[in-house]
Amino acid sequence: MTNRTADLRRDTRETQIHVRLDLDGSGEARLATGIGFFDHMLDQIARHGLIDLEIEARGDLHIDGHHTVEDVGITLGMAVAQAVGDKKGITRYGHAYVPLDEALSRVVVDFSGRPGLHMHVPFKAGMIGGFDTQLAYEFFQGFANHAGVTLHIDNLKGDNAHHQCETVFKAFARALRMALTPDPRSAGVIPSTKGSL
């Protein structure tokens, strides 16, 4: 399991996204989406997922952040799918609980090949800085669809929207890291009774 990297561009009339990543990195990040809080959340994915991650996004922010956030999720999902390849030897499942002060979130991921998002996060505010909290769902929907993962996200407690969102992204990163970690007992084996994912 070597060279789990990807370098992808996705251009539409609404956004131009470039993602470069290394799933076996050290958590280094270079991020420029034009949405400060979103960059902060993407940094959590890199640092807590131990993924080297570069994302440059140009989008129609004069309208709002919807297309930019969703398309970053799509492109990141595509890049992860490319980097993980046939999934031989990965752990496949990952989960994490992450607290931040009063907030607590749980994320569970399965590299099943079957896209699905089940998300329950009752944000206590509509905006965090320049980030519309509704867009967290759009980001994870885009990621799940294009990475081919089943993703369960639940914010279990929280009174501060910043804390709620940050625990979600950190738990996502830790769950991703667990799922993508090579399983030494299943080296070279696709982790499914079907023989494919």
N, C-alpha and C. Protein backbone atom coordinates (compact mmCIF):
# COMPACT_ATOMS: atom_id res chain seq x y z
N MET A 1 0.85 -1.17 0.00
CA MET A 1 0.00 0.00 0.00
C MET A 1 0.90 1.23 0.00
N THR A 2 1.28 1.66 -1.20
CA THR A 2 2.20 2.79 -1.32
C THR A 2 1.58 3.88 -2.18
N ASN A 3 2.09 5.08 -2.00
CA ASN A 3 1.73 6.22 -2.83
C ASN A 3 0.22 6.44 -2.89
N ARG A 4 -0.39 6.59 -1.72
CA ARG A 4 -1.83 6.84 -1.69
C ARG A 4 -2.06 8.35 -1.79
N THR A 5 -1.89 8.84 -3.00
CA THR A 5 -1.98 10.27 -3.27
C THR A 5 -2.96 10.52 -4.40
N ALA A 6 -3.36 11.78 -4.50
CA ALA A 6 -4.22 12.20 -5.60
C ALA A 6 -3.99 13.67 -5.87
N ASP A 7 -4.21 14.04 -7.13
CA ASP A 7 -4.09 15.44 -7.55
C ASP A 7 -5.20 15.66 -8.57
N LEU A 8 -6.24 16.40 -8.18
CA LEU A 8 -7.45 16.51 -8.99
C LEU A 8 -7.87 17.96 -9.16
N ARG A 9 -8.37 18.25 -10.36
CA ARG A 9 -9.00 19.53 -10.63
C ARG A 9 -10.44 19.28 -11.08
N ARG A 10 -11.32 20.14 -10.62
CA ARG A 10 -12.73 20.07 -11.04
C ARG A 10 -13.19 21.49 -11.33
N ASP A 11 -13.51 21.73 -12.59
CA ASP A 11 -13.90 23.08 -13.01
C ASP A 11 -15.32 23.08 -13.53
N THR A 12 -16.11 24.01 -13.04
CA THR A 12 -17.46 24.23 -13.56
C THR A 12 -17.62 25.73 -13.82
N ARG A 13 -18.79 26.12 -14.26
CA ARG A 13 -19.05 27.54 -14.47
C ARG A 13 -19.23 28.28 -13.15
N GLU A 14 -19.35 27.53 -12.05
CA GLU A 14 -19.54 28.13 -10.74
C GLU A 14 -18.29 28.11 -9.87
N THR A 15 -17.48 27.05 -10.04
CA THR A 15 -16.29 26.89 -9.19
C THR A 15 -15.13 26.28 -9.96
N GLN A 16 -13.94 26.57 -9.48
CA GLN A 16 -12.72 25.92 -9.94
C GLN A 16 -12.00 25.41 -8.69
N ILE A 17 -11.90 24.09 -8.58
CA ILE A 17 -11.36 23.46 -7.38
C ILE A 17 -10.14 22.64 -7.73
N HIS A 18 -9.09 22.78 -6.93
CA HIS A 18 -7.89 21.95 -7.06
C HIS A 18 -7.60 21.31 -5.71
N VAL A 19 -7.54 19.99 -5.69
CA VAL A 19 -7.23 19.25 -4.47
C VAL A 19 -6.03 18.36 -4.70
N ARG A 20 -5.08 18.45 -3.79
CA ARG A 20 -3.92 17.54 -3.80
C ARG A 20 -3.83 16.96 -2.39
N LEU A 21 -3.67 15.63 -2.29
CA LEU A 21 -3.60 15.03 -0.95
C LEU A 21 -2.70 13.80 -0.92
N ASP A 22 -2.27 13.49 0.29
CA ASP A 22 -1.52 12.28 0.60
C ASP A 22 -2.15 11.68 1.85
N LEU A 23 -2.79 10.52 1.69
CA LEU A 23 -3.48 9.89 2.82
C LEU A 23 -2.54 9.45 3.92
N ASP A 24 -1.26 9.32 3.61
CA ASP A 24 -0.27 8.87 4.59
C ASP A 24 0.68 10.00 4.95
N GLY A 25 0.12 11.17 5.11
CA GLY A 25 0.93 12.35 5.40
C GLY A 25 1.10 12.58 6.89
N SER A 26 1.43 13.83 7.23
CA SER A 26 1.66 14.21 8.62
C SER A 26 0.68 15.27 9.10
N GLY A 27 -0.30 15.61 8.25
CA GLY A 27 -1.30 16.58 8.66
C GLY A 27 -1.03 18.00 8.21
N GLU A 28 -0.14 18.16 7.25
CA GLU A 28 0.16 19.50 6.73
C GLU A 28 -0.98 19.97 5.83
N ALA A 29 -1.28 21.26 5.89
CA ALA A 29 -2.39 21.79 5.09
C ALA A 29 -2.05 23.14 4.49
N ARG A 30 -2.49 23.31 3.25
CA ARG A 30 -2.47 24.61 2.57
C ARG A 30 -3.85 24.80 1.97
N LEU A 31 -4.60 25.76 2.50
CA LEU A 31 -6.01 25.87 2.19
C LEU A 31 -6.38 27.29 1.81
N ALA A 32 -7.14 27.43 0.75
CA ALA A 32 -7.59 28.75 0.32
C ALA A 32 -8.92 28.60 -0.41
N THR A 33 -10.02 28.68 0.35
CA THR A 33 -11.34 28.57 -0.26
C THR A 33 -12.06 29.91 -0.34
N GLY A 34 -11.53 30.91 0.34
CA GLY A 34 -12.22 32.19 0.40
C GLY A 34 -13.21 32.30 1.54
N ILE A 35 -13.38 31.20 2.30
CA ILE A 35 -14.28 31.18 3.45
C ILE A 35 -13.45 30.78 4.66
N GLY A 36 -13.14 31.74 5.51
CA GLY A 36 -12.18 31.52 6.59
C GLY A 36 -12.53 30.37 7.51
N PHE A 37 -13.77 30.31 7.97
CA PHE A 37 -14.14 29.24 8.90
C PHE A 37 -14.10 27.88 8.21
N PHE A 38 -14.45 27.82 6.95
CA PHE A 38 -14.39 26.56 6.20
C PHE A 38 -12.94 26.09 6.10
N ASP A 39 -12.01 27.01 5.83
CA ASP A 39 -10.59 26.64 5.83
C ASP A 39 -10.18 26.06 7.19
N HIS A 40 -10.68 26.64 8.25
CA HIS A 40 -10.39 26.15 9.60
C HIS A 40 -10.90 24.73 9.78
N MET A 41 -12.07 24.41 9.24
CA MET A 41 -12.62 23.05 9.33
C MET A 41 -11.83 22.06 8.47
N LEU A 42 -11.44 22.49 7.29
CA LEU A 42 -10.64 21.62 6.42
C LEU A 42 -9.28 21.33 7.06
N ASP A 43 -8.76 22.31 7.79
CA ASP A 43 -7.50 22.11 8.51
C ASP A 43 -7.65 21.02 9.56
N GLN A 44 -8.83 20.92 10.17
CA GLN A 44 -9.07 19.85 11.15
C GLN A 44 -8.99 18.47 10.48
N ILE A 45 -9.52 18.38 9.26
CA ILE A 45 -9.46 17.11 8.52
C ILE A 45 -8.01 16.72 8.29
N ALA A 46 -7.20 17.67 7.86
CA ALA A 46 -5.79 17.38 7.60
C ALA A 46 -5.06 16.97 8.87
N ARG A 47 -5.16 17.79 9.90
CA ARG A 47 -4.36 17.58 11.11
C ARG A 47 -4.78 16.36 11.90
N HIS A 48 -6.09 16.15 12.04
CA HIS A 48 -6.55 15.02 12.84
C HIS A 48 -6.68 13.75 12.02
N GLY A 49 -6.72 13.88 10.70
CA GLY A 49 -6.73 12.72 9.83
C GLY A 49 -5.35 12.30 9.38
N LEU A 50 -4.33 13.10 9.74
CA LEU A 50 -2.95 12.90 9.27
C LEU A 50 -2.91 12.76 7.75
N ILE A 51 -3.61 13.67 7.11
CA ILE A 51 -3.64 13.75 5.65
C ILE A 51 -2.96 15.04 5.23
N ASP A 52 -1.97 14.97 4.37
CA ASP A 52 -1.42 16.19 3.79
C ASP A 52 -2.42 16.67 2.75
N LEU A 53 -2.85 17.91 2.88
CA LEU A 53 -3.99 18.37 2.10
C LEU A 53 -3.77 19.78 1.57
N GLU A 54 -3.90 19.92 0.27
CA GLU A 54 -3.87 21.24 -0.36
C GLU A 54 -5.19 21.42 -1.11
N ILE A 55 -5.88 22.51 -0.80
CA ILE A 55 -7.13 22.81 -1.51
C ILE A 55 -7.11 24.28 -1.90
N GLU A 56 -7.31 24.51 -3.18
CA GLU A 56 -7.48 25.87 -3.68
C GLU A 56 -8.83 25.92 -4.38
N ALA A 57 -9.69 26.83 -3.96
CA ALA A 57 -11.03 26.92 -4.53
C ALA A 57 -11.34 28.36 -4.90
N ARG A 58 -11.85 28.52 -6.11
CA ARG A 58 -12.38 29.81 -6.54
C ARG A 58 -13.83 29.58 -6.91
N GLY A 59 -14.71 30.29 -6.23
CA GLY A 59 -16.13 30.09 -6.46
C GLY A 59 -16.89 31.39 -6.50
N ASP A 60 -18.18 31.27 -6.77
CA ASP A 60 -19.03 32.45 -6.90
C ASP A 60 -19.49 32.93 -5.52
N LEU A 61 -18.52 33.36 -4.73
CA LEU A 61 -18.81 33.80 -3.36
C LEU A 61 -19.60 35.10 -3.33
N HIS A 62 -19.67 35.80 -4.45
CA HIS A 62 -20.51 37.00 -4.50
C HIS A 62 -21.99 36.62 -4.40
N ILE A 63 -22.31 35.35 -4.68
CA ILE A 63 -23.68 34.86 -4.49
C ILE A 63 -23.81 34.35 -3.05
N ASP A 64 -23.09 33.29 -2.75
CA ASP A 64 -22.95 32.78 -1.38
C ASP A 64 -21.93 31.66 -1.41
N GLY A 65 -21.78 30.95 -0.29
CA GLY A 65 -20.74 29.92 -0.22
C GLY A 65 -21.18 28.54 -0.66
N HIS A 66 -22.45 28.39 -1.07
CA HIS A 66 -23.00 27.06 -1.32
C HIS A 66 -22.20 26.26 -2.34
N HIS A 67 -22.01 26.83 -3.53
CA HIS A 67 -21.34 26.08 -4.59
C HIS A 67 -19.90 25.75 -4.22
N THR A 68 -19.23 26.69 -3.58
CA THR A 68 -17.83 26.46 -3.20
C THR A 68 -17.71 25.32 -2.20
N VAL A 69 -18.51 25.36 -1.14
CA VAL A 69 -18.42 24.34 -0.10
C VAL A 69 -18.82 22.97 -0.65
N GLU A 70 -19.93 22.92 -1.38
CA GLU A 70 -20.38 21.64 -1.94
C GLU A 70 -19.35 21.07 -2.91
N ASP A 71 -18.80 21.91 -3.77
CA ASP A 71 -17.87 21.42 -4.79
C ASP A 71 -16.52 21.02 -4.20
N VAL A 72 -16.12 21.66 -3.10
CA VAL A 72 -14.93 21.18 -2.39
C VAL A 72 -15.20 19.79 -1.83
N GLY A 73 -16.38 19.56 -1.26
CA GLY A 73 -16.73 18.23 -0.77
C GLY A 73 -16.70 17.19 -1.87
N ILE A 74 -17.26 17.53 -3.02
CA ILE A 74 -17.26 16.62 -4.17
C ILE A 74 -15.84 16.29 -4.60
N THR A 75 -15.02 17.32 -4.76
CA THR A 75 -13.66 17.12 -5.27
C THR A 75 -12.79 16.38 -4.26
N LEU A 76 -12.96 16.70 -2.97
CA LEU A 76 -12.23 15.97 -1.94
C LEU A 76 -12.64 14.50 -1.93
N GLY A 77 -13.92 14.22 -2.07
CA GLY A 77 -14.38 12.84 -2.14
C GLY A 77 -13.78 12.10 -3.32
N MET A 78 -13.74 12.75 -4.48
CA MET A 78 -13.15 12.14 -5.66
C MET A 78 -11.66 11.84 -5.44
N ALA A 79 -10.97 12.78 -4.79
CA ALA A 79 -9.54 12.62 -4.55
C ALA A 79 -9.28 11.48 -3.57
N VAL A 80 -10.08 11.38 -2.51
CA VAL A 80 -9.91 10.29 -1.56
C VAL A 80 -10.17 8.95 -2.24
N ALA A 81 -11.22 8.86 -3.06
CA ALA A 81 -11.51 7.62 -3.78
C ALA A 81 -10.35 7.23 -4.68
N GLN A 82 -9.77 8.20 -5.36
CA GLN A 82 -8.64 7.91 -6.24
C GLN A 82 -7.44 7.44 -5.43
N ALA A 83 -7.17 8.09 -4.32
CA ALA A 83 -5.98 7.76 -3.52
C ALA A 83 -6.11 6.40 -2.85
N VAL A 84 -7.31 6.03 -2.41
CA VAL A 84 -7.49 4.77 -1.69
C VAL A 84 -7.51 3.58 -2.65
N GLY A 85 -7.83 3.81 -3.90
CA GLY A 85 -7.75 2.75 -4.90
C GLY A 85 -8.75 1.62 -4.67
N ASP A 86 -8.27 0.37 -4.77
CA ASP A 86 -9.18 -0.78 -4.68
C ASP A 86 -9.53 -1.16 -3.25
N LYS A 87 -8.99 -0.45 -2.28
CA LYS A 87 -9.29 -0.61 -0.85
C LYS A 87 -8.68 -1.87 -0.24
N LYS A 88 -7.81 -2.53 -0.96
CA LYS A 88 -7.14 -3.70 -0.37
C LYS A 88 -6.33 -3.29 0.84
N GLY A 89 -6.54 -4.03 1.94
CA GLY A 89 -5.72 -3.84 3.13
C GLY A 89 -6.14 -2.74 4.07
N ILE A 90 -7.19 -1.97 3.71
CA ILE A 90 -7.60 -0.91 4.64
C ILE A 90 -8.48 -1.50 5.75
N THR A 91 -8.61 -0.75 6.83
CA THR A 91 -9.46 -1.18 7.94
C THR A 91 -10.93 -1.12 7.54
N ARG A 92 -11.30 -0.23 6.67
CA ARG A 92 -12.63 -0.01 6.09
C ARG A 92 -13.56 0.78 6.99
N TYR A 93 -13.72 0.38 8.24
CA TYR A 93 -14.62 1.08 9.15
C TYR A 93 -13.83 2.00 10.07
N GLY A 94 -14.43 3.14 10.39
CA GLY A 94 -13.81 4.04 11.35
C GLY A 94 -14.87 4.77 12.15
N HIS A 95 -14.55 5.10 13.38
CA HIS A 95 -15.48 5.84 14.21
C HIS A 95 -14.71 6.71 15.19
N ALA A 96 -15.34 7.78 15.64
CA ALA A 96 -14.70 8.65 16.62
C ALA A 96 -15.75 9.48 17.34
N TYR A 97 -15.50 9.68 18.63
CA TYR A 97 -16.22 10.65 19.43
C TYR A 97 -15.22 11.77 19.74
N VAL A 98 -15.63 13.01 19.53
CA VAL A 98 -14.75 14.14 19.83
C VAL A 98 -15.52 15.19 20.63
N PRO A 99 -14.97 15.59 21.79
CA PRO A 99 -15.56 16.68 22.56
C PRO A 99 -14.84 18.00 22.32
N LEU A 100 -15.52 19.08 22.54
CA LEU A 100 -14.91 20.40 22.63
C LEU A 100 -15.76 21.19 23.61
N ASP A 101 -15.24 21.36 24.81
CA ASP A 101 -16.01 22.00 25.88
C ASP A 101 -17.37 21.31 26.04
N GLU A 102 -18.47 22.03 25.82
CA GLU A 102 -19.79 21.46 26.05
C GLU A 102 -20.29 20.59 24.90
N ALA A 103 -19.59 20.65 23.76
CA ALA A 103 -20.06 19.95 22.55
C ALA A 103 -19.43 18.57 22.44
N LEU A 104 -20.20 17.64 21.88
CA LEU A 104 -19.73 16.28 21.67
C LEU A 104 -20.35 15.74 20.39
N SER A 105 -19.51 15.22 19.50
CA SER A 105 -20.00 14.66 18.24
C SER A 105 -19.42 13.28 18.00
N ARG A 106 -20.20 12.49 17.26
CA ARG A 106 -19.80 11.13 16.87
C ARG A 106 -19.91 11.01 15.36
N VAL A 107 -18.86 10.43 14.75
CA VAL A 107 -18.88 10.16 13.31
C VAL A 107 -18.46 8.72 13.09
N VAL A 108 -19.20 8.03 12.24
CA VAL A 108 -18.90 6.65 11.86
C VAL A 108 -18.86 6.59 10.34
N VAL A 109 -17.82 5.96 9.78
CA VAL A 109 -17.65 5.89 8.33
C VAL A 109 -17.39 4.45 7.91
N ASP A 110 -17.91 4.10 6.74
CA ASP A 110 -17.69 2.79 6.13
C ASP A 110 -17.34 3.01 4.67
N PHE A 111 -16.16 2.57 4.27
CA PHE A 111 -15.76 2.64 2.86
C PHE A 111 -16.42 1.49 2.10
N SER A 112 -17.72 1.57 2.04
CA SER A 112 -18.56 0.48 1.55
C SER A 112 -18.71 0.46 0.03
N GLY A 113 -18.44 1.59 -0.62
CA GLY A 113 -18.75 1.72 -2.03
C GLY A 113 -20.20 2.13 -2.25
N ARG A 114 -20.97 2.24 -1.17
CA ARG A 114 -22.37 2.65 -1.25
C ARG A 114 -22.52 4.03 -0.60
N PRO A 115 -22.67 5.07 -1.40
CA PRO A 115 -22.76 6.41 -0.83
C PRO A 115 -24.01 6.60 0.01
N GLY A 116 -23.82 7.20 1.17
CA GLY A 116 -24.97 7.51 2.02
C GLY A 116 -24.56 8.42 3.15
N LEU A 117 -25.37 9.44 3.39
CA LEU A 117 -25.12 10.37 4.50
C LEU A 117 -26.34 10.39 5.40
N HIS A 118 -26.11 10.18 6.68
CA HIS A 118 -27.13 10.28 7.71
C HIS A 118 -26.58 11.25 8.76
N MET A 119 -27.11 12.46 8.78
CA MET A 119 -26.51 13.53 9.58
C MET A 119 -27.56 14.21 10.43
N HIS A 120 -27.27 14.30 11.73
CA HIS A 120 -28.16 15.01 12.64
C HIS A 120 -27.30 15.96 13.48
N VAL A 121 -27.31 17.21 13.09
CA VAL A 121 -26.55 18.24 13.79
C VAL A 121 -27.46 19.47 13.96
N PRO A 122 -28.07 19.62 15.13
CA PRO A 122 -28.96 20.75 15.37
C PRO A 122 -28.17 22.01 15.74
N PHE A 123 -27.63 22.68 14.73
CA PHE A 123 -26.80 23.85 14.97
C PHE A 123 -27.58 24.92 15.74
N LYS A 124 -26.90 25.54 16.69
CA LYS A 124 -27.52 26.57 17.53
C LYS A 124 -27.45 27.95 16.90
N ALA A 125 -26.80 28.06 15.74
CA ALA A 125 -26.74 29.34 15.02
C ALA A 125 -26.69 29.04 13.52
N GLY A 126 -27.19 29.99 12.74
CA GLY A 126 -27.22 29.83 11.29
C GLY A 126 -25.91 30.16 10.61
N MET A 127 -25.11 31.00 11.25
CA MET A 127 -23.83 31.41 10.65
C MET A 127 -22.72 31.29 11.69
N ILE A 128 -21.55 30.88 11.22
CA ILE A 128 -20.32 30.91 12.03
C ILE A 128 -19.33 31.73 11.22
N GLY A 129 -19.10 32.95 11.62
CA GLY A 129 -18.32 33.85 10.77
C GLY A 129 -19.03 33.99 9.44
N GLY A 130 -18.32 33.72 8.35
CA GLY A 130 -18.92 33.79 7.01
C GLY A 130 -19.39 32.45 6.50
N PHE A 131 -19.53 31.47 7.40
CA PHE A 131 -19.91 30.11 7.00
C PHE A 131 -21.35 29.82 7.41
N ASP A 132 -22.18 29.50 6.43
CA ASP A 132 -23.57 29.11 6.66
C ASP A 132 -23.58 27.67 7.16
N THR A 133 -24.11 27.43 8.37
CA THR A 133 -24.03 26.09 8.95
C THR A 133 -24.80 25.05 8.14
N GLN A 134 -25.77 25.46 7.32
CA GLN A 134 -26.46 24.50 6.45
C GLN A 134 -25.50 23.85 5.45
N LEU A 135 -24.39 24.53 5.17
CA LEU A 135 -23.46 24.02 4.16
C LEU A 135 -22.61 22.87 4.67
N ALA A 136 -22.57 22.64 5.97
CA ALA A 136 -21.86 21.46 6.48
C ALA A 136 -22.47 20.20 5.88
N TYR A 137 -23.81 20.15 5.83
CA TYR A 137 -24.49 19.00 5.22
C TYR A 137 -24.10 18.87 3.75
N GLU A 138 -24.08 19.97 3.02
CA GLU A 138 -23.75 19.92 1.59
C GLU A 138 -22.33 19.42 1.37
N PHE A 139 -21.40 19.83 2.23
CA PHE A 139 -20.03 19.36 2.12
C PHE A 139 -19.96 17.85 2.31
N PHE A 140 -20.56 17.35 3.38
CA PHE A 140 -20.47 15.91 3.66
C PHE A 140 -21.27 15.08 2.65
N GLN A 141 -22.37 15.64 2.12
CA GLN A 141 -23.12 14.94 1.07
C GLN A 141 -22.27 14.79 -0.18
N GLY A 142 -21.60 15.87 -0.57
CA GLY A 142 -20.72 15.81 -1.74
C GLY A 142 -19.59 14.82 -1.53
N PHE A 143 -19.01 14.84 -0.33
CA PHE A 143 -17.92 13.91 -0.03
C PHE A 143 -18.39 12.46 -0.08
N ALA A 144 -19.48 12.15 0.62
CA ALA A 144 -19.98 10.77 0.69
C ALA A 144 -20.31 10.23 -0.70
N ASN A 145 -20.97 11.05 -1.51
CA ASN A 145 -21.36 10.60 -2.85
C ASN A 145 -20.17 10.26 -3.72
N HIS A 146 -19.09 11.01 -3.59
CA HIS A 146 -17.97 10.85 -4.52
C HIS A 146 -16.81 10.04 -3.96
N ALA A 147 -16.76 9.87 -2.64
CA ALA A 147 -15.79 8.95 -2.05
C ALA A 147 -16.36 7.54 -1.98
N GLY A 148 -17.68 7.42 -2.13
CA GLY A 148 -18.33 6.12 -2.05
C GLY A 148 -18.35 5.56 -0.64
N VAL A 149 -18.71 6.42 0.32
CA VAL A 149 -18.72 5.99 1.72
C VAL A 149 -20.12 6.14 2.31
N THR A 150 -20.39 5.33 3.31
CA THR A 150 -21.56 5.53 4.16
C THR A 150 -21.07 6.30 5.38
N LEU A 151 -21.77 7.37 5.70
CA LEU A 151 -21.30 8.30 6.71
C LEU A 151 -22.44 8.66 7.66
N HIS A 152 -22.23 8.40 8.94
CA HIS A 152 -23.19 8.77 9.98
C HIS A 152 -22.55 9.85 10.86
N ILE A 153 -23.22 10.98 10.96
CA ILE A 153 -22.71 12.12 11.72
C ILE A 153 -23.78 12.57 12.71
N ASP A 154 -23.43 12.59 13.99
CA ASP A 154 -24.37 13.01 15.02
C ASP A 154 -23.68 13.95 16.00
N ASN A 155 -24.26 15.13 16.17
CA ASN A 155 -23.84 16.00 17.26
C ASN A 155 -24.71 15.65 18.46
N LEU A 156 -24.10 15.11 19.50
CA LEU A 156 -24.83 14.60 20.65
C LEU A 156 -25.14 15.67 21.69
N LYS A 157 -24.26 16.67 21.77
CA LYS A 157 -24.44 17.78 22.71
C LYS A 157 -23.79 19.02 22.12
N GLY A 158 -24.27 20.16 22.52
CA GLY A 158 -23.61 21.39 22.10
C GLY A 158 -24.52 22.60 22.18
N ASP A 159 -23.97 23.69 22.70
CA ASP A 159 -24.70 24.94 22.80
C ASP A 159 -24.08 26.03 21.93
N ASN A 160 -22.86 25.81 21.46
CA ASN A 160 -22.14 26.79 20.67
C ASN A 160 -21.91 26.22 19.27
N ALA A 161 -22.39 26.91 18.26
CA ALA A 161 -22.33 26.39 16.89
C ALA A 161 -20.90 26.14 16.42
N HIS A 162 -19.97 27.01 16.82
CA HIS A 162 -18.57 26.82 16.45
C HIS A 162 -18.06 25.50 17.03
N HIS A 163 -18.36 25.27 18.30
CA HIS A 163 -17.93 24.02 18.93
C HIS A 163 -18.60 22.81 18.30
N GLN A 164 -19.89 22.93 18.00
CA GLN A 164 -20.60 21.82 17.35
C GLN A 164 -19.94 21.45 16.03
N CYS A 165 -19.70 22.44 15.20
CA CYS A 165 -19.13 22.19 13.87
C CYS A 165 -17.72 21.64 13.98
N GLU A 166 -16.93 22.20 14.88
CA GLU A 166 -15.55 21.75 15.00
C GLU A 166 -15.47 20.31 15.49
N THR A 167 -16.35 19.92 16.42
CA THR A 167 -16.32 18.53 16.87
C THR A 167 -16.73 17.58 15.75
N VAL A 168 -17.64 18.01 14.91
CA VAL A 168 -18.05 17.19 13.76
C VAL A 168 -16.87 16.96 12.82
N PHE A 169 -16.17 18.02 12.45
CA PHE A 169 -15.07 17.89 11.50
C PHE A 169 -13.89 17.13 12.10
N LYS A 170 -13.62 17.33 13.37
CA LYS A 170 -12.54 16.58 14.02
C LYS A 170 -12.89 15.10 14.12
N ALA A 171 -14.13 14.79 14.49
CA ALA A 171 -14.54 13.39 14.57
C ALA A 171 -14.52 12.74 13.19
N PHE A 172 -14.93 13.49 12.17
CA PHE A 172 -14.85 12.99 10.80
C PHE A 172 -13.42 12.64 10.44
N ALA A 173 -12.50 13.53 10.77
CA ALA A 173 -11.09 13.29 10.47
C ALA A 173 -10.56 12.05 11.16
N ARG A 174 -10.89 11.89 12.44
CA ARG A 174 -10.40 10.73 13.19
C ARG A 174 -11.02 9.43 12.68
N ALA A 175 -12.30 9.47 12.32
CA ALA A 175 -12.96 8.28 11.77
C ALA A 175 -12.35 7.91 10.43
N LEU A 176 -12.10 8.92 9.60
CA LEU A 176 -11.47 8.70 8.30
C LEU A 176 -10.10 8.07 8.47
N ARG A 177 -9.34 8.62 9.39
CA ARG A 177 -7.99 8.09 9.67
C ARG A 177 -8.04 6.62 10.07
N MET A 178 -8.98 6.26 10.95
CA MET A 178 -9.10 4.88 11.37
C MET A 178 -9.47 3.96 10.20
N ALA A 179 -10.44 4.38 9.41
CA ALA A 179 -10.92 3.56 8.30
C ALA A 179 -9.85 3.34 7.24
N LEU A 180 -9.01 4.34 7.03
CA LEU A 180 -7.99 4.26 5.97
C LEU A 180 -6.67 3.66 6.44
N THR A 181 -6.55 3.40 7.74
CA THR A 181 -5.32 2.81 8.26
C THR A 181 -5.17 1.38 7.74
N PRO A 182 -3.99 1.03 7.26
CA PRO A 182 -3.77 -0.36 6.82
C PRO A 182 -3.96 -1.34 7.97
N ASP A 183 -4.64 -2.43 7.69
CA ASP A 183 -4.85 -3.49 8.67
C ASP A 183 -3.78 -4.56 8.43
N PRO A 184 -2.80 -4.69 9.33
CA PRO A 184 -1.68 -5.62 9.08
C PRO A 184 -2.13 -7.08 8.99
N ARG A 185 -3.28 -7.40 9.55
CA ARG A 185 -3.76 -8.78 9.48
C ARG A 185 -4.50 -9.07 8.19
N SER A 186 -4.76 -8.02 7.41
CA SER A 186 -5.49 -8.21 6.14
C SER A 186 -4.77 -7.56 4.97
N ALA A 187 -3.45 -7.61 5.00
CA ALA A 187 -2.65 -6.96 3.94
C ALA A 187 -3.03 -7.57 2.59
N GLY A 188 -3.34 -6.70 1.64
CA GLY A 188 -3.64 -7.16 0.29
C GLY A 188 -5.01 -7.75 0.12
N VAL A 189 -5.85 -7.70 1.17
CA VAL A 189 -7.18 -8.30 1.12
C VAL A 189 -8.24 -7.20 1.11
N ILE A 190 -9.24 -7.34 0.24
CA ILE A 190 -10.37 -6.41 0.25
C ILE A 190 -11.28 -6.78 1.41
N PRO A 191 -11.55 -5.83 2.32
CA PRO A 191 -12.28 -6.16 3.55
C PRO A 191 -13.79 -6.31 3.32
N SER A 192 -14.15 -7.34 2.59
CA SER A 192 -15.56 -7.63 2.32
C SER A 192 -15.73 -9.09 1.95
N THR A 193 -16.81 -9.71 2.41
CA THR A 193 -17.08 -11.09 2.02
C THR A 193 -17.42 -11.20 0.54
N LYS A 194 -17.80 -10.06 -0.08
CA LYS A 194 -18.12 -10.07 -1.50
C LYS A 194 -16.87 -10.10 -2.38
N GLY A 195 -15.74 -9.70 -1.79
CA GLY A 195 -14.50 -9.67 -2.56
C GLY A 195 -14.29 -8.38 -3.33
N SER A 196 -15.21 -7.42 -3.18
CA SER A 196 -15.05 -6.12 -3.81
C SER A 196 -15.85 -5.10 -3.03
N LEU A 197 -15.41 -3.85 -3.12
CA LEU A 197 -16.11 -2.74 -2.47
C LEU A 197 -16.27 -1.61 -3.49
